[in-house]
N, C-alpha and C. Protein backbone atom coordinates (compact mmCIF):
# COMPACT_ATOMS: atom_id res chain seq x y z
N MET A 1 0.81 -1.18 0.00
CA MET A 1 0.00 0.00 0.00
C MET A 1 0.86 1.26 0.00
N ARG A 2 1.97 1.18 0.81
CA ARG A 2 2.84 2.35 0.84
C ARG A 2 3.46 2.62 -0.52
N ILE A 3 3.86 1.60 -1.20
CA ILE A 3 4.47 1.77 -2.53
C ILE A 3 3.45 2.38 -3.48
N LEU A 4 2.22 1.88 -3.47
CA LEU A 4 1.20 2.40 -4.36
C LEU A 4 0.82 3.83 -4.00
N ALA A 5 0.88 4.19 -2.75
CA ALA A 5 0.55 5.55 -2.32
C ALA A 5 1.61 6.54 -2.79
N ARG A 6 2.88 6.11 -2.86
CA ARG A 6 3.94 7.01 -3.30
C ARG A 6 3.99 7.17 -4.82
N ARG A 7 3.63 6.15 -5.55
CA ARG A 7 3.70 6.22 -7.00
C ARG A 7 2.46 6.91 -7.57
N ARG A 8 2.73 7.73 -8.52
CA ARG A 8 1.61 8.38 -9.19
C ARG A 8 1.19 7.52 -10.38
N THR A 9 -0.07 7.44 -10.58
CA THR A 9 -0.57 6.68 -11.73
C THR A 9 -0.78 7.62 -12.90
N ARG A 10 -0.76 7.08 -14.06
CA ARG A 10 -0.98 7.90 -15.26
C ARG A 10 -2.47 8.25 -15.38
N PRO A 11 -2.73 9.48 -15.83
CA PRO A 11 -4.15 9.83 -16.01
C PRO A 11 -4.74 9.03 -17.18
N GLN A 12 -6.00 8.79 -17.08
CA GLN A 12 -6.69 8.03 -18.12
C GLN A 12 -6.76 8.85 -19.41
N ARG A 13 -6.51 8.21 -20.54
CA ARG A 13 -6.53 8.91 -21.81
C ARG A 13 -7.94 9.34 -22.18
N ARG A 14 -8.02 10.55 -22.73
CA ARG A 14 -9.32 11.04 -23.21
C ARG A 14 -9.52 10.56 -24.63
N PRO A 15 -10.78 10.31 -24.99
CA PRO A 15 -11.01 9.90 -26.39
C PRO A 15 -10.74 11.08 -27.34
N PRO A 16 -10.33 10.78 -28.55
CA PRO A 16 -10.05 11.88 -29.50
C PRO A 16 -11.33 12.63 -29.85
N PRO A 17 -11.20 13.89 -30.25
CA PRO A 17 -12.41 14.64 -30.62
C PRO A 17 -13.04 14.04 -31.87
N SER A 18 -14.31 14.32 -32.07
CA SER A 18 -15.02 13.76 -33.23
C SER A 18 -14.41 14.30 -34.52
N ALA A 19 -14.54 13.54 -35.59
CA ALA A 19 -13.96 13.93 -36.87
C ALA A 19 -14.59 15.21 -37.40
N GLY A 20 -15.86 15.38 -37.18
CA GLY A 20 -16.54 16.58 -37.66
C GLY A 20 -15.98 17.85 -37.03
N LYS A 21 -15.61 17.77 -35.76
CA LYS A 21 -15.07 18.93 -35.07
C LYS A 21 -13.72 19.33 -35.68
N GLY A 22 -12.90 18.36 -35.97
CA GLY A 22 -11.60 18.65 -36.55
C GLY A 22 -11.68 19.05 -38.01
N LEU A 23 -12.58 18.42 -38.78
CA LEU A 23 -12.70 18.72 -40.20
C LEU A 23 -13.35 20.06 -40.48
N GLY A 24 -14.19 20.52 -39.58
CA GLY A 24 -14.89 21.79 -39.79
C GLY A 24 -13.91 22.94 -40.00
N LYS A 25 -12.91 23.01 -39.14
CA LYS A 25 -11.90 24.06 -39.26
C LYS A 25 -11.11 23.91 -40.56
N LEU A 26 -10.74 22.69 -40.88
CA LEU A 26 -9.97 22.43 -42.09
C LEU A 26 -10.76 22.81 -43.34
N LEU A 27 -12.02 22.39 -43.41
CA LEU A 27 -12.85 22.70 -44.57
C LEU A 27 -13.09 24.20 -44.72
N LYS A 28 -13.28 24.88 -43.61
CA LYS A 28 -13.48 26.33 -43.67
C LYS A 28 -12.23 27.02 -44.23
N GLY A 29 -11.07 26.57 -43.80
CA GLY A 29 -9.82 27.13 -44.30
C GLY A 29 -9.63 26.85 -45.79
N LEU A 30 -9.97 25.62 -46.22
CA LEU A 30 -9.85 25.28 -47.65
C LEU A 30 -10.81 26.08 -48.50
N GLU A 31 -12.01 26.31 -47.98
CA GLU A 31 -12.99 27.09 -48.74
C GLU A 31 -12.53 28.53 -48.89
N GLU A 32 -11.93 29.09 -47.85
CA GLU A 32 -11.41 30.45 -47.95
C GLU A 32 -10.26 30.53 -48.95
N ARG A 33 -9.44 29.47 -48.95
CA ARG A 33 -8.25 29.47 -49.80
C ARG A 33 -8.58 29.17 -51.26
N PHE A 34 -9.45 28.19 -51.50
CA PHE A 34 -9.69 27.72 -52.87
C PHE A 34 -11.06 28.06 -53.42
N GLY A 35 -11.96 28.56 -52.64
CA GLY A 35 -13.30 28.89 -53.13
C GLY A 35 -14.27 27.75 -52.92
N GLN A 36 -15.48 27.93 -53.42
CA GLN A 36 -16.54 26.99 -53.13
C GLN A 36 -16.53 25.75 -54.02
N GLY A 37 -16.09 25.85 -55.25
CA GLY A 37 -15.98 24.69 -56.11
C GLY A 37 -17.20 24.47 -56.98
N PRO A 38 -17.10 23.48 -57.86
CA PRO A 38 -18.16 23.26 -58.85
C PRO A 38 -19.44 22.65 -58.27
N ASP A 39 -19.37 22.03 -57.09
CA ASP A 39 -20.58 21.43 -56.52
C ASP A 39 -21.64 22.49 -56.24
N VAL A 40 -21.22 23.63 -55.74
CA VAL A 40 -22.17 24.72 -55.47
C VAL A 40 -22.75 25.22 -56.79
N LEU A 41 -21.89 25.28 -57.81
CA LEU A 41 -22.38 25.72 -59.13
C LEU A 41 -23.38 24.71 -59.69
N ARG A 42 -23.10 23.41 -59.57
CA ARG A 42 -24.02 22.40 -60.09
C ARG A 42 -25.39 22.50 -59.43
N ASP A 43 -25.38 22.70 -58.12
CA ASP A 43 -26.64 22.76 -57.38
C ASP A 43 -27.51 23.93 -57.81
N ARG A 44 -26.88 25.05 -58.15
CA ARG A 44 -27.66 26.26 -58.46
C ARG A 44 -27.46 26.72 -59.90
N TRP A 45 -27.03 25.82 -60.78
CA TRP A 45 -26.71 26.18 -62.15
C TRP A 45 -27.91 26.75 -62.90
N ARG A 46 -29.09 26.24 -62.63
CA ARG A 46 -30.30 26.74 -63.29
C ARG A 46 -30.52 28.22 -62.99
N GLU A 47 -30.28 28.61 -61.76
CA GLU A 47 -30.45 30.01 -61.37
C GLU A 47 -29.37 30.88 -61.99
N ILE A 48 -28.16 30.37 -62.04
CA ILE A 48 -27.03 31.15 -62.52
C ILE A 48 -27.10 31.33 -64.03
N ALA A 49 -27.25 30.23 -64.76
CA ALA A 49 -27.16 30.28 -66.23
C ALA A 49 -28.48 30.60 -66.89
N GLY A 50 -29.58 30.32 -66.24
CA GLY A 50 -30.89 30.51 -66.86
C GLY A 50 -31.40 29.19 -67.43
N GLU A 51 -32.68 29.15 -67.72
CA GLU A 51 -33.33 27.91 -68.16
C GLU A 51 -32.73 27.35 -69.45
N THR A 52 -32.61 28.19 -70.47
CA THR A 52 -32.18 27.68 -71.78
C THR A 52 -30.74 27.19 -71.75
N LEU A 53 -29.86 27.91 -71.08
CA LEU A 53 -28.47 27.46 -71.01
C LEU A 53 -28.31 26.25 -70.10
N ALA A 54 -29.08 26.17 -69.04
CA ALA A 54 -28.96 25.06 -68.10
C ALA A 54 -29.36 23.73 -68.73
N LEU A 55 -30.25 23.76 -69.71
CA LEU A 55 -30.64 22.52 -70.38
C LEU A 55 -29.51 21.96 -71.24
N ARG A 56 -28.62 22.82 -71.72
CA ARG A 56 -27.58 22.39 -72.65
C ARG A 56 -26.18 22.40 -72.06
N THR A 57 -26.02 22.92 -70.85
CA THR A 57 -24.69 23.01 -70.25
C THR A 57 -24.68 22.42 -68.85
N GLU A 58 -23.46 22.08 -68.40
CA GLU A 58 -23.28 21.55 -67.05
C GLU A 58 -21.86 21.90 -66.59
N PRO A 59 -21.71 22.54 -65.42
CA PRO A 59 -20.36 22.84 -64.94
C PRO A 59 -19.65 21.57 -64.51
N VAL A 60 -18.41 21.40 -64.95
CA VAL A 60 -17.66 20.19 -64.63
C VAL A 60 -16.67 20.45 -63.51
N LYS A 61 -15.80 21.47 -63.70
CA LYS A 61 -14.82 21.75 -62.65
C LYS A 61 -14.32 23.18 -62.75
N LEU A 62 -13.78 23.63 -61.64
CA LEU A 62 -13.12 24.94 -61.55
C LEU A 62 -11.64 24.68 -61.37
N VAL A 63 -10.83 25.23 -62.25
CA VAL A 63 -9.39 25.05 -62.16
C VAL A 63 -8.78 26.38 -61.72
N LYS A 64 -8.17 26.38 -60.55
CA LYS A 64 -7.56 27.60 -60.01
C LYS A 64 -6.28 27.92 -60.78
N SER A 65 -6.04 29.19 -60.97
CA SER A 65 -4.86 29.66 -61.65
C SER A 65 -3.98 30.40 -60.65
N ARG A 66 -2.68 30.34 -60.85
CA ARG A 66 -1.77 31.04 -59.94
C ARG A 66 -1.72 32.53 -60.24
N THR A 67 -2.05 32.88 -61.49
CA THR A 67 -1.91 34.27 -61.89
C THR A 67 -3.17 35.09 -61.69
N GLY A 68 -4.34 34.49 -61.82
CA GLY A 68 -5.57 35.28 -61.73
C GLY A 68 -6.74 34.41 -61.33
N GLY A 69 -7.89 34.71 -61.92
CA GLY A 69 -9.10 33.97 -61.62
C GLY A 69 -9.06 32.54 -62.15
N ALA A 70 -10.01 31.76 -61.76
CA ALA A 70 -10.08 30.36 -62.13
C ALA A 70 -10.63 30.21 -63.55
N THR A 71 -10.53 28.98 -64.05
CA THR A 71 -11.11 28.62 -65.33
C THR A 71 -12.27 27.67 -65.06
N LEU A 72 -13.43 28.00 -65.57
CA LEU A 72 -14.61 27.15 -65.41
C LEU A 72 -14.74 26.26 -66.63
N GLU A 73 -14.78 24.96 -66.40
CA GLU A 73 -14.95 24.00 -67.49
C GLU A 73 -16.43 23.64 -67.57
N LEU A 74 -17.01 23.88 -68.75
CA LEU A 74 -18.43 23.58 -68.99
C LEU A 74 -18.56 22.44 -69.98
N LYS A 75 -19.38 21.47 -69.65
CA LYS A 75 -19.72 20.43 -70.61
C LYS A 75 -20.96 20.91 -71.36
N VAL A 76 -20.89 20.85 -72.69
CA VAL A 76 -21.95 21.41 -73.53
C VAL A 76 -22.36 20.36 -74.55
N ASP A 77 -23.68 20.24 -74.80
CA ASP A 77 -24.16 19.38 -75.88
C ASP A 77 -23.56 19.88 -77.19
N GLY A 78 -23.11 18.96 -78.02
CA GLY A 78 -22.38 19.24 -79.24
C GLY A 78 -22.74 20.49 -80.01
N PRO A 79 -23.90 20.56 -80.65
CA PRO A 79 -24.18 21.70 -81.51
C PRO A 79 -24.37 23.02 -80.76
N ALA A 80 -24.61 22.96 -79.48
CA ALA A 80 -24.83 24.20 -78.71
C ALA A 80 -23.51 24.86 -78.31
N ALA A 81 -22.38 24.22 -78.57
CA ALA A 81 -21.09 24.75 -78.13
C ALA A 81 -20.79 26.11 -78.76
N ALA A 82 -21.13 26.27 -80.03
CA ALA A 82 -20.88 27.56 -80.69
C ALA A 82 -21.72 28.67 -80.08
N LEU A 83 -22.95 28.36 -79.72
CA LEU A 83 -23.82 29.36 -79.09
C LEU A 83 -23.30 29.74 -77.70
N ILE A 84 -22.83 28.76 -76.97
CA ILE A 84 -22.30 29.03 -75.63
C ILE A 84 -21.01 29.84 -75.74
N GLN A 85 -20.19 29.54 -76.73
CA GLN A 85 -18.96 30.30 -76.95
C GLN A 85 -19.29 31.77 -77.22
N HIS A 86 -20.35 31.98 -77.98
CA HIS A 86 -20.78 33.34 -78.29
C HIS A 86 -21.27 34.07 -77.04
N GLN A 87 -21.90 33.33 -76.12
CA GLN A 87 -22.46 33.93 -74.90
C GLN A 87 -21.50 33.84 -73.72
N ALA A 88 -20.23 33.49 -73.95
CA ALA A 88 -19.27 33.30 -72.87
C ALA A 88 -19.14 34.51 -71.94
N PRO A 89 -19.06 35.75 -72.46
CA PRO A 89 -18.94 36.88 -71.53
C PRO A 89 -20.14 37.00 -70.58
N GLU A 90 -21.33 36.72 -71.09
CA GLU A 90 -22.53 36.79 -70.23
C GLU A 90 -22.50 35.69 -69.18
N VAL A 91 -22.08 34.48 -69.58
CA VAL A 91 -22.00 33.36 -68.63
C VAL A 91 -20.98 33.68 -67.55
N LEU A 92 -19.82 34.20 -67.95
CA LEU A 92 -18.79 34.56 -66.97
C LEU A 92 -19.29 35.63 -66.01
N ALA A 93 -20.02 36.61 -66.53
CA ALA A 93 -20.55 37.66 -65.66
C ALA A 93 -21.53 37.09 -64.64
N ARG A 94 -22.38 36.17 -65.08
CA ARG A 94 -23.35 35.55 -64.15
C ARG A 94 -22.65 34.71 -63.09
N VAL A 95 -21.65 33.94 -63.51
CA VAL A 95 -20.92 33.10 -62.55
C VAL A 95 -20.17 33.97 -61.56
N ASN A 96 -19.54 35.03 -62.04
CA ASN A 96 -18.81 35.93 -61.13
C ASN A 96 -19.75 36.67 -60.20
N MET A 97 -20.96 36.92 -60.64
CA MET A 97 -21.94 37.55 -59.76
C MET A 97 -22.28 36.60 -58.60
N PHE A 98 -22.30 35.30 -58.89
CA PHE A 98 -22.62 34.30 -57.87
C PHE A 98 -21.43 34.00 -56.96
N LEU A 99 -20.24 33.79 -57.55
CA LEU A 99 -19.07 33.38 -56.77
C LEU A 99 -18.27 34.56 -56.20
N GLY A 100 -18.45 35.72 -56.78
CA GLY A 100 -17.68 36.88 -56.34
C GLY A 100 -16.88 37.43 -57.51
N GLU A 101 -16.68 38.72 -57.51
CA GLU A 101 -16.03 39.40 -58.62
C GLU A 101 -14.63 38.84 -58.86
N GLY A 102 -14.33 38.47 -60.08
CA GLY A 102 -13.01 37.98 -60.46
C GLY A 102 -12.73 36.54 -60.09
N ALA A 103 -13.73 35.80 -59.61
CA ALA A 103 -13.51 34.41 -59.23
C ALA A 103 -13.20 33.53 -60.44
N VAL A 104 -13.88 33.80 -61.56
CA VAL A 104 -13.67 33.03 -62.78
C VAL A 104 -13.25 33.99 -63.89
N ALA A 105 -12.10 33.68 -64.51
CA ALA A 105 -11.58 34.56 -65.56
C ALA A 105 -11.81 33.99 -66.95
N LYS A 106 -11.81 32.66 -67.07
CA LYS A 106 -11.92 32.03 -68.39
C LYS A 106 -13.01 30.98 -68.37
N LEU A 107 -13.49 30.68 -69.56
CA LEU A 107 -14.49 29.65 -69.75
C LEU A 107 -13.93 28.64 -70.74
N ARG A 108 -13.87 27.39 -70.33
CA ARG A 108 -13.39 26.33 -71.22
C ARG A 108 -14.58 25.44 -71.56
N ILE A 109 -14.83 25.27 -72.84
CA ILE A 109 -16.01 24.51 -73.29
C ILE A 109 -15.57 23.15 -73.79
N VAL A 110 -16.19 22.11 -73.22
CA VAL A 110 -15.92 20.73 -73.60
C VAL A 110 -17.22 20.14 -74.12
N GLN A 111 -17.17 19.57 -75.32
CA GLN A 111 -18.38 18.99 -75.87
C GLN A 111 -18.59 17.60 -75.27
N GLY A 112 -19.83 17.31 -74.92
CA GLY A 112 -20.18 16.02 -74.35
C GLY A 112 -21.65 15.97 -74.06
N ARG A 113 -22.10 14.81 -73.62
CA ARG A 113 -23.51 14.65 -73.30
C ARG A 113 -23.80 15.24 -71.92
N VAL A 114 -24.82 16.07 -71.87
CA VAL A 114 -25.21 16.74 -70.63
C VAL A 114 -26.37 15.96 -70.01
N LYS A 115 -26.25 15.69 -68.72
CA LYS A 115 -27.33 14.99 -68.01
C LYS A 115 -28.52 15.93 -67.89
N PRO A 116 -29.72 15.43 -68.12
CA PRO A 116 -30.89 16.30 -67.97
C PRO A 116 -31.10 16.66 -66.50
N PRO A 117 -31.60 17.86 -66.22
CA PRO A 117 -31.86 18.26 -64.83
C PRO A 117 -32.87 17.33 -64.17
N ALA A 118 -32.80 17.23 -62.85
CA ALA A 118 -33.65 16.33 -62.09
C ALA A 118 -35.13 16.62 -62.32
N ALA A 119 -35.50 17.89 -62.42
CA ALA A 119 -36.91 18.24 -62.62
C ALA A 119 -37.40 17.72 -63.96
N GLN A 120 -36.55 17.78 -64.98
CA GLN A 120 -36.94 17.28 -66.30
C GLN A 120 -37.09 15.76 -66.27
N VAL A 121 -36.23 15.07 -65.53
CA VAL A 121 -36.32 13.62 -65.41
C VAL A 121 -37.61 13.23 -64.70
N GLN A 122 -37.96 13.97 -63.65
CA GLN A 122 -39.19 13.69 -62.91
C GLN A 122 -40.42 13.93 -63.78
N ALA A 123 -40.41 14.99 -64.58
CA ALA A 123 -41.53 15.28 -65.47
C ALA A 123 -41.69 14.18 -66.51
N ALA A 124 -40.58 13.67 -67.03
CA ALA A 124 -40.64 12.59 -68.01
C ALA A 124 -41.18 11.31 -67.37
N ALA A 125 -40.77 11.04 -66.12
CA ALA A 125 -41.27 9.86 -65.42
C ALA A 125 -42.76 9.98 -65.14
N ALA A 126 -43.22 11.18 -64.80
CA ALA A 126 -44.65 11.39 -64.55
C ALA A 126 -45.46 11.21 -65.84
N ALA A 127 -44.92 11.70 -66.96
CA ALA A 127 -45.61 11.53 -68.24
C ALA A 127 -45.68 10.07 -68.63
N ALA A 128 -44.61 9.31 -68.37
CA ALA A 128 -44.61 7.88 -68.68
C ALA A 128 -45.62 7.15 -67.80
N ALA A 129 -45.73 7.55 -66.55
CA ALA A 129 -46.71 6.92 -65.65
C ALA A 129 -48.13 7.21 -66.11
N ARG A 130 -48.37 8.45 -66.61
CA ARG A 130 -49.71 8.76 -67.11
C ARG A 130 -50.04 7.91 -68.34
N ARG A 131 -49.04 7.70 -69.19
CA ARG A 131 -49.28 6.88 -70.38
C ARG A 131 -49.58 5.45 -70.00
N LYS A 132 -48.90 4.93 -68.97
CA LYS A 132 -49.12 3.55 -68.56
C LYS A 132 -50.50 3.36 -67.96
N ARG A 133 -51.04 4.36 -67.29
CA ARG A 133 -52.32 4.24 -66.61
C ARG A 133 -53.50 4.61 -67.50
N ALA A 134 -53.32 4.71 -68.79
CA ALA A 134 -54.39 5.14 -69.69
C ALA A 134 -55.54 4.13 -69.67
N ARG A 135 -56.76 4.67 -69.62
CA ARG A 135 -57.95 3.82 -69.60
C ARG A 135 -58.14 3.18 -70.99
N PRO A 136 -58.66 1.98 -71.02
CA PRO A 136 -58.96 1.38 -72.33
C PRO A 136 -60.20 2.05 -72.94
N LEU A 137 -60.26 2.00 -74.25
CA LEU A 137 -61.43 2.56 -74.95
C LEU A 137 -62.61 1.62 -74.78
N ASP A 138 -63.82 2.16 -74.94
CA ASP A 138 -64.97 1.27 -74.91
C ASP A 138 -64.99 0.45 -76.21
N ALA A 139 -65.69 -0.65 -76.19
CA ALA A 139 -65.66 -1.62 -77.29
C ALA A 139 -66.13 -1.02 -78.61
N ALA A 140 -67.12 -0.14 -78.58
CA ALA A 140 -67.66 0.43 -79.82
C ALA A 140 -66.61 1.30 -80.51
N LYS A 141 -65.92 2.13 -79.77
CA LYS A 141 -64.89 2.99 -80.37
C LYS A 141 -63.71 2.17 -80.86
N GLU A 142 -63.34 1.13 -80.12
CA GLU A 142 -62.24 0.26 -80.55
C GLU A 142 -62.59 -0.44 -81.86
N ALA A 143 -63.83 -0.92 -81.97
CA ALA A 143 -64.26 -1.60 -83.20
C ALA A 143 -64.29 -0.61 -84.37
N GLU A 144 -64.73 0.61 -84.11
CA GLU A 144 -64.77 1.64 -85.17
C GLU A 144 -63.35 1.98 -85.64
N LEU A 145 -62.42 2.04 -84.71
CA LEU A 145 -61.02 2.31 -85.06
C LEU A 145 -60.44 1.18 -85.89
N GLU A 146 -60.70 -0.05 -85.50
CA GLU A 146 -60.20 -1.21 -86.26
C GLU A 146 -60.82 -1.26 -87.64
N GLN A 147 -62.10 -0.93 -87.75
CA GLN A 147 -62.77 -0.93 -89.05
C GLN A 147 -62.15 0.14 -89.97
N GLY A 148 -61.79 1.29 -89.41
CA GLY A 148 -61.18 2.35 -90.20
C GLY A 148 -59.79 1.98 -90.70
N LEU A 149 -59.12 1.07 -90.00
CA LEU A 149 -57.75 0.67 -90.37
C LEU A 149 -57.70 -0.70 -91.04
N GLU A 150 -58.83 -1.22 -91.51
CA GLU A 150 -58.84 -2.53 -92.15
C GLU A 150 -57.98 -2.56 -93.40
N LYS A 151 -57.98 -1.48 -94.18
CA LYS A 151 -57.26 -1.47 -95.44
C LYS A 151 -55.75 -1.39 -95.25
N ALA A 152 -55.30 -0.91 -94.09
CA ALA A 152 -53.86 -0.83 -93.83
C ALA A 152 -53.32 -2.24 -93.61
N GLY A 153 -52.20 -2.55 -94.22
CA GLY A 153 -51.61 -3.88 -94.07
C GLY A 153 -51.10 -4.08 -92.65
N ASP A 154 -51.07 -5.35 -92.23
CA ASP A 154 -50.56 -5.66 -90.90
C ASP A 154 -49.07 -5.31 -90.84
N GLY A 155 -48.67 -4.77 -89.74
CA GLY A 155 -47.27 -4.41 -89.56
C GLY A 155 -47.12 -3.27 -88.58
N PRO A 156 -45.92 -2.72 -88.50
CA PRO A 156 -45.66 -1.67 -87.50
C PRO A 156 -46.43 -0.38 -87.78
N LEU A 157 -46.71 -0.09 -89.07
CA LEU A 157 -47.45 1.13 -89.39
C LEU A 157 -48.87 1.04 -88.84
N LYS A 158 -49.51 -0.10 -89.02
CA LYS A 158 -50.88 -0.27 -88.53
C LYS A 158 -50.91 -0.19 -87.00
N GLN A 159 -49.92 -0.78 -86.35
CA GLN A 159 -49.86 -0.73 -84.88
C GLN A 159 -49.68 0.71 -84.39
N ALA A 160 -48.84 1.45 -85.08
CA ALA A 160 -48.61 2.84 -84.69
C ALA A 160 -49.87 3.67 -84.89
N LEU A 161 -50.57 3.43 -86.00
CA LEU A 161 -51.82 4.15 -86.25
C LEU A 161 -52.89 3.80 -85.22
N MET A 162 -52.92 2.55 -84.79
CA MET A 162 -53.88 2.13 -83.75
C MET A 162 -53.57 2.87 -82.43
N ARG A 163 -52.31 2.91 -82.06
CA ARG A 163 -51.94 3.62 -80.82
C ARG A 163 -52.32 5.09 -80.91
N LEU A 164 -52.02 5.69 -82.06
CA LEU A 164 -52.34 7.11 -82.26
C LEU A 164 -53.85 7.33 -82.18
N GLY A 165 -54.60 6.48 -82.85
CA GLY A 165 -56.06 6.60 -82.82
C GLY A 165 -56.63 6.46 -81.42
N ARG A 166 -56.09 5.51 -80.65
CA ARG A 166 -56.55 5.33 -79.27
C ARG A 166 -56.29 6.59 -78.44
N GLU A 167 -55.09 7.15 -78.57
CA GLU A 167 -54.76 8.35 -77.80
C GLU A 167 -55.64 9.53 -78.20
N VAL A 168 -55.92 9.67 -79.48
CA VAL A 168 -56.78 10.77 -79.94
C VAL A 168 -58.18 10.60 -79.38
N LEU A 169 -58.70 9.39 -79.42
CA LEU A 169 -60.05 9.14 -78.90
C LEU A 169 -60.10 9.33 -77.38
N ARG A 170 -59.04 8.95 -76.67
CA ARG A 170 -59.01 9.18 -75.23
C ARG A 170 -59.00 10.67 -74.92
N ALA A 171 -58.22 11.42 -75.70
CA ALA A 171 -58.17 12.88 -75.49
C ALA A 171 -59.51 13.51 -75.74
N GLU A 172 -60.25 13.03 -76.74
CA GLU A 172 -61.59 13.57 -77.01
C GLU A 172 -62.53 13.23 -75.86
N ASP A 173 -62.40 12.05 -75.27
CA ASP A 173 -63.25 11.66 -74.14
C ASP A 173 -62.99 12.52 -72.91
N GLU A 174 -61.75 12.92 -72.72
CA GLU A 174 -61.41 13.71 -71.53
C GLU A 174 -61.96 15.14 -71.63
N ARG A 175 -62.18 15.62 -72.84
CA ARG A 175 -62.71 16.99 -72.99
C ARG A 175 -64.10 16.97 -72.57
């Protein structure tokens, strides 16, 4: 007991701080040093570029320059690249208004397939769901449609005309 009373024991180790606490300071410093990055631009690209440009363009990355502002790389649908090149000063002005004056100095255009915006994908899915849930025609209208297409030969043309006729008749019923 005397030996244990004279010796000091080591204090118990504290657990390390949570990763979020340590990363918060680091991320804040990186954001001040390098800017916000293309993720912020992607999230709000519709607001920055406008509806027509947002459908055909997508920000890919921001490349920082040692001499001046960054270079914004835009992915553009093939034929729209010339139009975007023509509107480059306006696009740069809008991006700089969002990120801060002088944040982006150049625009680099890369041709490629642009992913459709999420709202457009949802609208297409809703339209497909409406098409799938279409009510069948009543028997009299179906027979009248088939009678009108008797002279058309069997094949893909007749099937397409039947689908078109059904949709037209359904639209008339909804009115």
